[in-house]
Amino acid sequence: SRGTGRDRGVRKVLETKKAKDKAKAEEEGEEEGEDWAMCAQKMAEESCQDQHRIPLNPSVAAAADMPLQKGNADDFIRDGKLFRATTVTETKTYRRKADDLPVVRPGVSDSEVKRRTGFPDEKTMLSYIIVVCNGYVGKIKQRQTSLTWYEEWFMTFEYIWNRSLTRIEDVTRTFSDLRPADILRVVDAKQDLCWSSRESWPMFASFEEDKKLQKDKWAS
């Protein structure tokens, strides 16, 4: 470090005084006078009055031609280089859940969908998701964890309707070792979408809609 502003000012004064004294000595053909030595001593004392508490800045000492104490830095030099390479410590690597392959993906067989979720086939399950989200792709693909949107919907249906996963521990082991808190957050988010969709629908159908939906045997 070049020191504080005071140290830089002192060094500038010393260097200027030394240059003038040297030029004067060369013109007169004499050795450098005592003016330089006295100025250097005075500026060094003013810049650091208490040598026991505040050490003299190395840049000021160098400008005043004062000897500096040399440390043991040369003991650490190898092959003429100030820095040496060290072996990199092997760190423990962790498996990221986002790198795992999906547990379920689109294209699951209808028998597997019925066994695990209760829907008769995958088409019916996807139709339910589209209706619940009112056709908004952003809501359909909204995620809470590192699972895919398809996995989160499938996990929710499988858990809340108690087909093949009846405990939270079973869901954790099946879907990428998710934490129980993450699983419940996914289930709550999907349930909120279902509830919001239900609340957005009218409580009763209009007469025209009811008439179109009724069967022919009730028409007479």
Protein backbone atom coordinates (compact mmCIF):
# COMPACT_ATOMS: atom_id res chain seq x y z
CA SER A 1 0.00 0.00 0.00
CA ARG A 2 1.19 3.52 -0.74
CA GLY A 3 -0.26 4.73 2.54
CA THR A 4 -2.71 7.46 3.36
CA GLY A 5 -2.99 10.85 1.72
CA ARG A 6 -0.49 12.22 4.24
CA ASP A 7 2.03 9.55 3.32
CA ARG A 8 1.65 10.30 -0.39
CA GLY A 9 2.11 14.01 0.25
CA VAL A 10 5.26 13.42 2.30
CA ARG A 11 6.67 11.16 -0.39
CA LYS A 12 5.98 13.75 -3.07
CA VAL A 13 7.78 16.46 -1.05
CA LEU A 14 10.78 14.20 -0.49
CA GLU A 15 11.07 13.22 -4.13
CA THR A 16 10.79 16.85 -5.26
CA LYS A 17 13.37 18.02 -2.72
CA LYS A 18 15.74 15.23 -3.66
CA ALA A 19 15.51 16.05 -7.37
CA LYS A 20 16.19 19.77 -6.76
CA ASP A 21 19.08 19.04 -4.41
CA LYS A 22 20.63 16.66 -6.92
CA ALA A 23 20.30 19.15 -9.77
CA LYS A 24 21.84 21.90 -7.61
CA ALA A 25 24.75 19.68 -6.64
CA GLU A 26 25.43 18.81 -10.28
CA GLU A 27 25.44 22.50 -11.28
CA GLU A 28 27.85 23.45 -8.50
CA GLY A 29 29.97 20.33 -8.97
CA GLU A 30 29.57 19.28 -5.36
CA GLU A 31 28.06 16.33 -3.57
CA GLU A 32 24.47 16.45 -2.47
CA GLY A 33 24.19 18.89 0.39
CA GLU A 34 22.80 18.54 3.83
CA ASP A 35 19.49 20.15 2.85
CA TRP A 36 18.18 16.86 1.44
CA ALA A 37 19.21 14.80 4.49
CA MET A 38 17.70 17.30 6.91
CA CYS A 39 14.46 17.51 4.91
CA ALA A 40 14.17 13.72 4.72
CA GLN A 41 14.74 13.37 8.46
CA LYS A 42 12.21 16.10 9.27
CA MET A 43 9.50 14.75 6.96
CA ALA A 44 9.98 11.19 8.21
CA GLU A 45 9.62 12.34 11.83
CA GLU A 46 6.54 14.43 11.04
CA SER A 47 4.84 11.63 9.15
CA CYS A 48 5.29 9.22 12.02
CA GLN A 49 5.87 10.86 15.39
CA ASP A 50 5.36 7.72 17.45
CA GLN A 51 7.43 4.90 15.98
CA HIS A 52 6.21 2.41 18.59
CA ARG A 53 2.54 2.73 17.71
CA ILE A 54 2.39 3.69 14.01
CA PRO A 55 5.02 2.17 11.72
CA LEU A 56 6.50 4.33 8.97
CA ASN A 57 4.92 3.69 5.59
CA PRO A 58 7.32 1.74 3.33
CA SER A 59 6.82 4.16 0.42
CA VAL A 60 7.80 7.14 2.61
CA ALA A 61 10.82 5.28 3.95
CA ALA A 62 11.94 4.41 0.43
CA ALA A 63 11.61 8.05 -0.67
CA ALA A 64 13.71 9.12 2.34
CA ASP A 65 16.39 6.49 1.54
CA MET A 66 15.81 4.82 4.90
CA PRO A 67 16.68 1.11 5.14
CA LEU A 68 13.69 -1.21 5.27
CA GLN A 69 13.47 -4.49 7.12
CA LYS A 70 13.19 -7.36 4.74
CA GLY A 71 10.92 -10.21 5.72
CA ASN A 72 11.04 -13.86 4.80
CA ALA A 73 9.11 -13.54 1.53
CA ASP A 74 12.04 -14.96 -0.45
CA ASP A 75 11.80 -18.21 1.50
CA PHE A 76 8.51 -18.97 -0.23
CA ILE A 77 9.70 -18.28 -3.78
CA ARG A 78 9.93 -21.40 -5.89
CA ASP A 79 11.36 -21.41 -9.40
CA GLY A 80 11.44 -17.64 -9.38
CA LYS A 81 7.68 -17.39 -8.90
CA LEU A 82 6.02 -15.53 -6.06
CA PHE A 83 2.94 -17.78 -6.19
CA ARG A 84 2.86 -21.54 -6.21
CA ALA A 85 0.11 -23.89 -7.22
CA THR A 86 -1.46 -26.15 -4.63
CA THR A 87 -3.51 -29.24 -5.09
CA VAL A 88 -7.23 -28.61 -5.24
CA THR A 89 -9.13 -30.08 -2.32
CA GLU A 90 -11.65 -32.65 -3.40
CA THR A 91 -15.11 -31.44 -2.45
CA LYS A 92 -18.13 -33.60 -1.92
CA THR A 93 -20.56 -33.51 -4.81
CA TYR A 94 -24.28 -33.66 -4.22
CA ARG A 95 -26.95 -35.05 -6.49
CA ARG A 96 -29.35 -32.41 -7.69
CA LYS A 97 -33.00 -33.38 -7.86
CA ALA A 98 -33.43 -31.32 -11.01
CA ASP A 99 -31.03 -33.68 -12.81
CA ASP A 100 -33.15 -36.76 -12.09
CA LEU A 101 -35.25 -38.25 -14.84
CA PRO A 102 -39.01 -37.74 -14.51
CA VAL A 103 -40.79 -40.47 -12.57
CA VAL A 104 -43.82 -40.19 -14.85
CA ARG A 105 -44.09 -38.45 -18.18
CA PRO A 106 -46.81 -37.94 -20.81
CA GLY A 107 -47.67 -41.17 -22.52
CA VAL A 108 -48.35 -43.31 -19.44
CA SER A 109 -50.55 -46.29 -20.20
CA ASP A 110 -54.25 -45.96 -19.42
CA SER A 111 -54.13 -48.92 -17.04
CA GLU A 112 -51.35 -47.24 -15.02
CA VAL A 113 -53.26 -43.97 -14.92
CA LYS A 114 -56.39 -45.71 -13.68
CA ARG A 115 -54.49 -47.72 -11.08
CA ARG A 116 -52.67 -44.73 -9.62
CA THR A 117 -54.99 -41.76 -10.09
CA GLY A 118 -58.49 -43.15 -10.58
CA PHE A 119 -59.03 -41.54 -14.00
CA PRO A 120 -60.11 -44.06 -16.63
CA ASP A 121 -57.36 -42.97 -19.01
CA GLU A 122 -54.74 -40.28 -19.56
CA LYS A 123 -56.96 -38.32 -21.93
CA THR A 124 -59.59 -37.87 -19.24
CA MET A 125 -56.97 -36.78 -16.72
CA LEU A 126 -55.54 -34.16 -19.08
CA SER A 127 -59.05 -32.95 -19.90
CA TYR A 128 -59.73 -32.45 -16.21
CA ILE A 129 -56.50 -30.42 -15.84
CA ILE A 130 -57.41 -28.22 -18.82
CA VAL A 131 -60.91 -27.56 -17.47
CA VAL A 132 -59.63 -26.76 -13.98
CA CYS A 133 -57.11 -24.26 -15.37
CA ASN A 134 -59.69 -22.78 -17.78
CA GLY A 135 -57.40 -23.61 -20.66
CA TYR A 136 -54.55 -21.36 -19.46
CA VAL A 137 -51.25 -23.01 -20.34
CA GLY A 138 -49.44 -20.91 -17.73
CA LYS A 139 -51.58 -22.35 -14.94
CA ILE A 140 -51.28 -25.87 -16.28
CA LYS A 141 -47.46 -25.70 -16.38
CA GLN A 142 -47.10 -23.80 -13.10
CA ARG A 143 -44.67 -25.64 -10.81
CA GLN A 144 -43.73 -25.50 -7.13
CA THR A 145 -40.74 -27.87 -7.12
CA SER A 146 -38.11 -29.34 -9.43
CA LEU A 147 -40.65 -31.85 -10.74
CA THR A 148 -42.21 -31.37 -14.14
CA TRP A 149 -45.75 -30.01 -14.39
CA TYR A 150 -46.98 -33.45 -15.41
CA GLU A 151 -45.35 -35.06 -12.38
CA GLU A 152 -46.88 -32.54 -9.98
CA TRP A 153 -50.40 -33.07 -11.30
CA PHE A 154 -49.97 -36.84 -11.36
CA MET A 155 -48.55 -36.85 -7.81
CA THR A 156 -51.44 -34.72 -6.56
CA PHE A 157 -54.10 -36.99 -8.01
CA GLU A 158 -52.31 -40.07 -6.75
CA TYR A 159 -52.00 -38.72 -3.22
CA ILE A 160 -55.30 -36.98 -2.56
CA TRP A 161 -57.44 -39.82 -3.91
CA ASN A 162 -55.48 -42.53 -2.07
CA ARG A 163 -55.08 -44.95 -4.96
CA SER A 164 -51.51 -46.21 -4.55
CA LEU A 165 -49.79 -43.60 -2.31
CA THR A 166 -51.60 -43.23 0.97
CA ARG A 167 -48.80 -41.80 3.12
CA ILE A 168 -46.60 -38.77 2.71
CA GLU A 169 -43.53 -40.97 3.24
CA ASP A 170 -44.49 -43.06 0.22
CA VAL A 171 -44.84 -39.94 -1.93
CA THR A 172 -41.38 -38.78 -0.77
CA ARG A 173 -39.71 -42.03 -1.81
CA THR A 174 -41.53 -42.23 -5.13
CA PHE A 175 -41.02 -38.68 -6.40
CA SER A 176 -37.32 -37.72 -6.24
CA ASP A 177 -37.04 -37.73 -2.42
CA LEU A 178 -38.99 -34.50 -2.06
CA ARG A 179 -39.41 -33.03 1.38
CA PRO A 180 -42.85 -33.40 2.99
CA ALA A 181 -43.19 -29.61 3.04
CA ASP A 182 -42.59 -29.45 -0.73
CA ILE A 183 -45.14 -32.16 -1.40
CA LEU A 184 -47.80 -30.43 0.67
CA ARG A 185 -47.04 -27.15 -1.09
CA VAL A 186 -47.66 -28.80 -4.46
CA VAL A 187 -50.90 -30.40 -3.28
CA ASP A 188 -52.14 -27.12 -1.80
CA ALA A 189 -51.35 -25.24 -5.01
CA LYS A 190 -53.25 -27.73 -7.17
CA GLN A 191 -56.15 -27.80 -4.77
CA ASP A 192 -56.31 -24.01 -4.86
CA LEU A 193 -56.58 -24.12 -8.65
CA CYS A 194 -59.42 -26.65 -8.42
CA TRP A 195 -61.23 -24.62 -5.80
CA SER A 196 -60.82 -21.34 -7.71
CA SER A 197 -62.13 -22.97 -10.85
CA ARG A 198 -65.14 -24.33 -9.01
CA GLU A 199 -65.90 -20.94 -7.47
CA SER A 200 -65.75 -19.28 -10.89
CA TRP A 201 -68.53 -21.47 -12.29
CA PRO A 202 -72.17 -20.42 -11.79
CA MET A 203 -74.07 -22.27 -9.09
CA PHE A 204 -77.00 -23.05 -11.37
CA ALA A 205 -77.21 -23.57 -15.12
CA SER A 206 -79.47 -21.38 -17.19
CA PHE A 207 -82.75 -22.78 -18.57
CA GLU A 208 -81.33 -22.98 -22.10
CA GLU A 209 -78.21 -24.87 -20.91
CA ASP A 210 -80.25 -27.19 -18.74
CA LYS A 211 -82.58 -27.97 -21.63
CA LYS A 212 -79.68 -28.78 -23.96
CA LEU A 213 -78.03 -31.07 -21.43
CA GLN A 214 -81.09 -33.05 -20.42
CA LYS A 215 -81.69 -36.43 -21.97
CA ASP A 216 -84.44 -37.12 -24.43
CA LYS A 217 -86.43 -39.28 -22.04
CA TRP A 218 -86.85 -36.29 -19.73
CA ALA A 219 -87.96 -33.96 -22.53
CA SER A 220 -91.53 -35.25 -22.61
